[in-house]
């Protein structure tokens, strides 16, 4: 992962966008990490992983009642922008 200062990120924002398509870019301010720039694809994948983990946690809790997994998956994909 590349690390850049917030000043450099502002100056080279277009370059940072291109780099984020290949790997995450860490942005620092005063030498401390404050943000990570990632591609839209990576963001969607992380969001889907989080949704899957939440579904599994709900299923394992025993408090979820009846679940229609096909409906839940379709809704999660729609919210993540993976379907129209």
N, C-alpha and C. Protein backbone atom coordinates (compact mmCIF):
# COMPACT_ATOMS: atom_id res chain seq x y z
N UNK A 1 0.85 -1.16 0.00
CA UNK A 1 0.00 0.00 0.00
C UNK A 1 0.90 1.24 0.00
N UNK A 2 0.56 2.14 -0.88
CA UNK A 2 1.31 3.39 -0.94
C UNK A 2 0.78 4.34 0.13
N UNK A 3 1.68 5.14 0.70
CA UNK A 3 1.32 6.13 1.71
C UNK A 3 1.66 7.51 1.16
N UNK A 4 0.68 8.42 1.24
CA UNK A 4 0.90 9.79 0.77
C UNK A 4 0.35 10.76 1.81
N UNK A 5 0.94 11.94 1.86
CA UNK A 5 0.43 12.97 2.77
C UNK A 5 -0.86 13.56 2.18
N UNK A 6 -1.65 14.17 3.02
CA UNK A 6 -2.90 14.77 2.53
C UNK A 6 -2.61 15.88 1.53
N UNK A 7 -1.51 16.60 1.72
CA UNK A 7 -1.13 17.65 0.78
C UNK A 7 -0.80 17.05 -0.59
N UNK A 8 -0.01 15.96 -0.59
CA UNK A 8 0.31 15.29 -1.86
C UNK A 8 -0.94 14.71 -2.50
N UNK A 9 -1.84 14.18 -1.69
CA UNK A 9 -3.07 13.60 -2.23
C UNK A 9 -3.91 14.67 -2.93
N UNK A 10 -3.96 15.87 -2.34
CA UNK A 10 -4.70 16.96 -2.97
C UNK A 10 -4.05 17.35 -4.30
N UNK A 11 -2.75 17.46 -4.28
CA UNK A 11 -2.01 17.90 -5.47
C UNK A 11 -2.09 16.87 -6.59
N UNK A 12 -2.05 15.59 -6.21
CA UNK A 12 -2.00 14.51 -7.21
C UNK A 12 -3.24 13.63 -7.15
N UNK A 13 -4.41 14.24 -6.96
CA UNK A 13 -5.63 13.47 -6.76
C UNK A 13 -5.92 12.52 -7.93
N UNK A 14 -5.77 12.99 -9.15
CA UNK A 14 -6.01 12.13 -10.32
C UNK A 14 -5.11 10.92 -10.31
N UNK A 15 -3.85 11.11 -9.98
CA UNK A 15 -2.90 10.01 -9.89
C UNK A 15 -3.30 9.04 -8.78
N UNK A 16 -3.77 9.58 -7.66
CA UNK A 16 -4.20 8.74 -6.54
C UNK A 16 -5.41 7.88 -6.94
N UNK A 17 -6.32 8.48 -7.71
CA UNK A 17 -7.48 7.70 -8.18
C UNK A 17 -7.04 6.53 -9.04
N UNK A 18 -6.09 6.77 -9.93
CA UNK A 18 -5.58 5.69 -10.78
C UNK A 18 -4.88 4.62 -9.95
N UNK A 19 -4.06 5.03 -8.99
CA UNK A 19 -3.35 4.06 -8.15
C UNK A 19 -4.32 3.24 -7.31
N UNK A 20 -5.41 3.88 -6.87
CA UNK A 20 -6.37 3.16 -6.02
C UNK A 20 -7.07 2.04 -6.79
N UNK A 21 -7.03 2.07 -8.11
CA UNK A 21 -7.61 0.99 -8.91
C UNK A 21 -6.76 -0.28 -8.83
N UNK A 22 -5.49 -0.11 -8.50
CA UNK A 22 -4.57 -1.26 -8.39
C UNK A 22 -4.38 -1.72 -6.96
N UNK A 23 -4.34 -0.77 -6.02
CA UNK A 23 -4.14 -1.09 -4.61
C UNK A 23 -4.63 0.08 -3.76
N UNK A 24 -4.96 -0.18 -2.50
CA UNK A 24 -5.38 0.92 -1.63
C UNK A 24 -4.25 1.94 -1.45
N UNK A 25 -4.63 3.20 -1.25
CA UNK A 25 -3.67 4.28 -1.02
C UNK A 25 -3.98 4.88 0.35
N UNK A 26 -3.01 4.84 1.24
CA UNK A 26 -3.17 5.40 2.58
C UNK A 26 -2.83 6.89 2.55
N UNK A 27 -3.71 7.69 3.13
CA UNK A 27 -3.49 9.14 3.20
C UNK A 27 -3.18 9.49 4.65
N UNK A 28 -2.09 10.24 4.85
CA UNK A 28 -1.69 10.63 6.19
C UNK A 28 -1.78 12.13 6.37
N UNK A 29 -1.96 12.56 7.61
CA UNK A 29 -1.94 13.98 7.95
C UNK A 29 -1.11 14.10 9.22
N UNK A 30 -0.11 14.96 9.16
CA UNK A 30 0.83 15.10 10.27
C UNK A 30 1.46 13.76 10.64
N UNK A 31 1.70 12.94 9.61
CA UNK A 31 2.37 11.66 9.81
C UNK A 31 1.49 10.54 10.33
N UNK A 32 0.20 10.81 10.54
CA UNK A 32 -0.71 9.79 11.06
C UNK A 32 -1.73 9.40 9.99
N UNK A 33 -2.04 8.11 9.87
CA UNK A 33 -3.03 7.68 8.88
C UNK A 33 -4.41 8.24 9.21
N UNK A 34 -5.08 8.81 8.19
CA UNK A 34 -6.41 9.38 8.39
C UNK A 34 -7.45 8.83 7.42
N UNK A 35 -7.01 8.25 6.31
CA UNK A 35 -7.97 7.74 5.33
C UNK A 35 -7.29 6.73 4.41
N UNK A 36 -8.11 5.93 3.74
CA UNK A 36 -7.62 5.00 2.73
C UNK A 36 -8.50 5.18 1.50
N UNK A 37 -7.87 5.38 0.37
CA UNK A 37 -8.58 5.51 -0.90
C UNK A 37 -8.56 4.14 -1.58
N UNK A 38 -9.76 3.60 -1.85
CA UNK A 38 -9.86 2.30 -2.51
C UNK A 38 -10.76 2.41 -3.73
N UNK A 39 -10.65 1.43 -4.61
CA UNK A 39 -11.48 1.42 -5.82
C UNK A 39 -12.93 1.13 -5.46
N UNK A 40 -13.82 1.51 -6.34
CA UNK A 40 -15.25 1.23 -6.17
C UNK A 40 -15.47 -0.28 -6.06
N UNK A 41 -14.77 -1.05 -6.88
CA UNK A 41 -14.88 -2.51 -6.85
C UNK A 41 -14.52 -3.05 -5.47
N UNK A 42 -13.38 -2.61 -4.93
CA UNK A 42 -12.96 -3.07 -3.61
C UNK A 42 -13.95 -2.66 -2.53
N UNK A 43 -14.49 -1.44 -2.64
CA UNK A 43 -15.49 -0.97 -1.68
C UNK A 43 -16.72 -1.87 -1.70
N UNK A 44 -17.20 -2.18 -2.88
CA UNK A 44 -18.39 -3.05 -2.99
C UNK A 44 -18.12 -4.42 -2.41
N UNK A 45 -16.93 -4.96 -2.68
CA UNK A 45 -16.57 -6.28 -2.13
C UNK A 45 -16.55 -6.24 -0.61
N UNK A 46 -15.99 -5.20 -0.02
CA UNK A 46 -15.97 -5.06 1.44
C UNK A 46 -17.38 -4.95 2.00
N UNK A 47 -18.23 -4.21 1.31
CA UNK A 47 -19.61 -4.04 1.76
C UNK A 47 -20.36 -5.37 1.72
N UNK A 48 -20.15 -6.13 0.65
CA UNK A 48 -20.80 -7.44 0.53
C UNK A 48 -20.31 -8.37 1.63
N UNK A 49 -19.01 -8.36 1.91
CA UNK A 49 -18.48 -9.20 2.99
C UNK A 49 -19.11 -8.84 4.33
N UNK A 50 -19.27 -7.55 4.57
CA UNK A 50 -19.88 -7.11 5.83
C UNK A 50 -21.34 -7.55 5.92
N UNK A 51 -22.06 -7.46 4.80
CA UNK A 51 -23.45 -7.90 4.78
C UNK A 51 -23.56 -9.40 5.02
N UNK A 52 -22.67 -10.16 4.39
CA UNK A 52 -22.68 -11.61 4.59
C UNK A 52 -22.41 -11.96 6.05
N UNK A 53 -21.44 -11.26 6.65
CA UNK A 53 -21.11 -11.51 8.06
C UNK A 53 -22.31 -11.19 8.94
N UNK A 54 -23.02 -10.11 8.64
CA UNK A 54 -24.20 -9.73 9.42
C UNK A 54 -25.30 -10.77 9.28
N UNK A 55 -25.47 -11.31 8.08
CA UNK A 55 -26.50 -12.34 7.85
C UNK A 55 -26.15 -13.59 8.65
N UNK A 56 -24.90 -14.01 8.60
CA UNK A 56 -24.46 -15.19 9.34
C UNK A 56 -24.65 -14.98 10.84
N UNK A 57 -24.27 -13.81 11.32
CA UNK A 57 -24.43 -13.51 12.75
C UNK A 57 -25.90 -13.57 13.15
N UNK A 58 -26.76 -13.03 12.31
CA UNK A 58 -28.19 -13.08 12.60
C UNK A 58 -28.74 -14.49 12.60
N UNK A 59 -28.30 -15.29 11.65
CA UNK A 59 -28.74 -16.68 11.60
C UNK A 59 -28.29 -17.45 12.83
N UNK A 60 -27.05 -17.22 13.23
CA UNK A 60 -26.49 -17.96 14.36
C UNK A 60 -27.07 -17.50 15.70
N UNK A 61 -27.62 -16.28 15.75
CA UNK A 61 -28.17 -15.78 17.01
C UNK A 61 -29.46 -16.50 17.39
N UNK A 62 -30.15 -17.04 16.39
CA UNK A 62 -31.39 -17.74 16.66
C UNK A 62 -32.58 -16.82 16.84
N UNK A 63 -32.37 -15.52 16.77
CA UNK A 63 -33.44 -14.56 16.99
C UNK A 63 -34.02 -14.00 15.69
N UNK A 64 -33.57 -14.49 14.57
CA UNK A 64 -33.93 -13.89 13.29
C UNK A 64 -35.29 -14.34 12.78
N UNK A 65 -35.83 -15.42 13.28
CA UNK A 65 -37.07 -15.94 12.76
C UNK A 65 -36.84 -16.57 11.39
N UNK A 66 -37.89 -16.61 10.59
CA UNK A 66 -37.77 -17.18 9.24
C UNK A 66 -37.05 -16.21 8.32
N UNK A 67 -36.10 -16.71 7.59
CA UNK A 67 -35.35 -15.87 6.65
C UNK A 67 -35.47 -16.41 5.24
N UNK A 68 -35.73 -15.52 4.31
CA UNK A 68 -35.73 -15.86 2.89
C UNK A 68 -34.38 -15.41 2.35
N UNK A 69 -33.42 -16.33 2.31
CA UNK A 69 -32.05 -15.97 1.93
C UNK A 69 -31.97 -15.41 0.52
N UNK A 70 -32.75 -15.92 -0.40
CA UNK A 70 -32.73 -15.38 -1.76
C UNK A 70 -33.15 -13.92 -1.78
N UNK A 71 -34.17 -13.59 -1.02
CA UNK A 71 -34.64 -12.21 -0.93
C UNK A 71 -33.58 -11.32 -0.26
N UNK A 72 -32.98 -11.80 0.80
CA UNK A 72 -31.95 -11.03 1.52
C UNK A 72 -30.75 -10.78 0.62
N UNK A 73 -30.31 -11.80 -0.09
CA UNK A 73 -29.15 -11.67 -0.98
C UNK A 73 -29.46 -10.70 -2.11
N UNK A 74 -30.65 -10.81 -2.69
CA UNK A 74 -31.05 -9.91 -3.78
C UNK A 74 -31.09 -8.46 -3.28
N UNK A 75 -31.62 -8.26 -2.08
CA UNK A 75 -31.69 -6.90 -1.52
C UNK A 75 -30.29 -6.36 -1.22
N UNK A 76 -29.42 -7.21 -0.70
CA UNK A 76 -28.04 -6.79 -0.41
C UNK A 76 -27.32 -6.40 -1.70
N UNK A 77 -27.51 -7.19 -2.75
CA UNK A 77 -26.88 -6.86 -4.04
C UNK A 77 -27.43 -5.55 -4.59
N UNK A 78 -28.72 -5.35 -4.44
CA UNK A 78 -29.33 -4.10 -4.93
C UNK A 78 -28.77 -2.90 -4.16
N UNK A 79 -28.67 -3.01 -2.83
CA UNK A 79 -28.14 -1.92 -2.03
C UNK A 79 -26.67 -1.66 -2.35
N UNK A 80 -25.93 -2.70 -2.71
CA UNK A 80 -24.52 -2.55 -3.05
C UNK A 80 -24.33 -2.05 -4.48
N UNK A 81 -25.44 -1.94 -5.23
CA UNK A 81 -25.36 -1.44 -6.59
C UNK A 81 -24.91 -2.49 -7.59
N UNK A 82 -25.10 -3.77 -7.25
CA UNK A 82 -24.66 -4.83 -8.14
C UNK A 82 -25.74 -5.33 -9.08
N UNK A 83 -26.97 -4.84 -8.89
CA UNK A 83 -28.06 -5.17 -9.80
C UNK A 83 -28.82 -3.90 -10.11
N UNK A 84 -29.65 -3.98 -11.11
CA UNK A 84 -30.43 -2.78 -11.49
C UNK A 84 -31.81 -2.84 -10.94
